[in-house]
Amino acid sequence: MFWWGPLWAYVCTVAAGVLSEDQESNGFFNGGQYVKAEQAREIARRLDRALRDGEVGRHVKRCRGRRFEEQLVRDFKNFCRNCGGFYIW
């Protein structure tokens, strides 16, 4: 999934302080990093805010051609809101 890296990097920026440094760095690899339910819900809240205020759209323009799309952020936001925690495999 070539889109995961750019999406995860953006999540780590938007959700600064929500995840530990280990979670952030381990999230780039398929090693089974776990994100707790409350962390996932906070990620969803922050992504929702970034979508509403236009930050995601601005980031899409800055990425130019890299696999980062607003719809991916919307889908991941919805996943985080409803997942109850997740592993990165």
Protein backbone atom coordinates (compact mmCIF):
# COMPACT_ATOMS: atom_id res chain seq x y z
CA MET A 1 0.00 0.00 0.00
CA PHE A 2 1.93 2.96 -1.30
CA TRP A 3 -0.57 5.39 0.22
CA TRP A 4 0.00 4.26 3.82
CA GLY A 5 3.31 6.08 4.39
CA PRO A 6 2.10 9.55 3.39
CA LEU A 7 -1.18 9.04 5.26
CA TRP A 8 0.54 7.83 8.44
CA ALA A 9 3.06 10.69 8.30
CA TYR A 10 0.16 13.14 8.11
CA VAL A 11 -1.66 11.41 10.97
CA CYS A 12 1.48 11.67 13.12
CA THR A 13 1.66 15.40 12.40
CA VAL A 14 -2.02 16.15 12.99
CA ALA A 15 -2.24 13.91 16.04
CA ALA A 16 1.01 15.06 17.66
CA GLY A 17 1.01 14.04 21.29
CA VAL A 18 -1.68 11.38 20.88
CA LEU A 19 0.69 8.57 19.96
CA SER A 20 3.97 7.66 21.61
CA GLU A 21 7.18 8.08 19.62
CA ASP A 22 7.36 4.29 19.30
CA GLN A 23 3.81 4.10 17.97
CA GLU A 24 4.55 6.82 15.44
CA SER A 25 7.74 5.22 14.14
CA ASN A 26 6.46 1.63 14.31
CA GLY A 27 3.33 2.65 12.42
CA PHE A 28 5.35 2.87 9.23
CA PHE A 29 6.01 -0.88 9.36
CA ASN A 30 3.70 -3.89 9.32
CA GLY A 31 4.92 -5.07 12.71
CA GLY A 32 1.67 -5.20 14.64
CA GLN A 33 1.79 -1.77 16.30
CA TYR A 34 -1.38 -1.32 18.37
CA VAL A 35 -3.32 1.93 18.60
CA LYS A 36 -5.76 2.02 21.52
CA ALA A 37 -9.44 2.88 21.06
CA GLU A 38 -9.16 6.24 22.83
CA GLN A 39 -6.13 7.16 20.70
CA ALA A 40 -7.99 6.17 17.53
CA ARG A 41 -10.98 8.32 18.52
CA GLU A 42 -8.71 11.32 19.18
CA ILE A 43 -7.02 10.79 15.80
CA ALA A 44 -10.50 10.81 14.23
CA ARG A 45 -11.38 14.08 16.00
CA ARG A 46 -8.19 15.76 14.84
CA LEU A 47 -8.55 14.52 11.27
CA ASP A 48 -12.14 15.75 11.25
CA ARG A 49 -10.96 19.20 12.36
CA ALA A 50 -8.21 19.21 9.69
CA LEU A 51 -10.78 18.29 7.04
CA ARG A 52 -13.23 20.97 8.17
CA ASP A 53 -10.69 23.78 8.33
CA GLY A 54 -9.18 22.96 4.93
CA GLU A 55 -5.78 21.81 6.19
CA VAL A 56 -6.13 18.43 4.47
CA GLY A 57 -6.89 20.11 1.14
CA ARG A 58 -3.85 22.34 1.51
CA HIS A 59 -1.71 19.33 2.34
CA VAL A 60 -2.98 17.50 -0.75
CA LYS A 61 -1.83 20.42 -2.89
CA ARG A 62 1.60 20.43 -1.22
CA CYS A 63 2.01 16.68 -1.88
CA ARG A 64 1.59 17.03 -5.66
CA GLY A 65 1.41 13.57 -7.06
CA ARG A 66 2.36 11.63 -3.97
CA ARG A 67 -0.32 9.21 -2.93
CA PHE A 68 -2.19 11.44 -0.52
CA GLU A 69 -5.86 12.15 -1.15
CA GLU A 70 -8.56 13.79 0.89
CA GLN A 71 -10.81 10.75 0.52
CA LEU A 72 -8.16 8.54 2.15
CA VAL A 73 -8.15 10.88 5.13
CA ARG A 74 -11.96 10.78 5.32
CA ASP A 75 -11.98 6.98 5.15
CA PHE A 76 -9.25 6.65 7.78
CA LYS A 77 -11.03 9.17 10.03
CA ASN A 78 -14.21 7.10 9.86
CA PHE A 79 -12.26 3.90 10.50
CA CYS A 80 -10.56 5.42 13.56
CA ARG A 81 -13.85 6.71 14.92
CA ASN A 82 -15.49 3.28 14.76
CA CYS A 83 -12.72 0.69 15.09
CA GLY A 84 -12.29 0.32 18.85
CA GLY A 85 -8.49 0.28 18.41
CA PHE A 86 -6.40 -1.29 15.69
CA TYR A 87 -3.19 -3.07 14.84
CA ILE A 88 -0.98 -2.01 11.94
CA TRP A 89 -0.15 -5.19 10.03
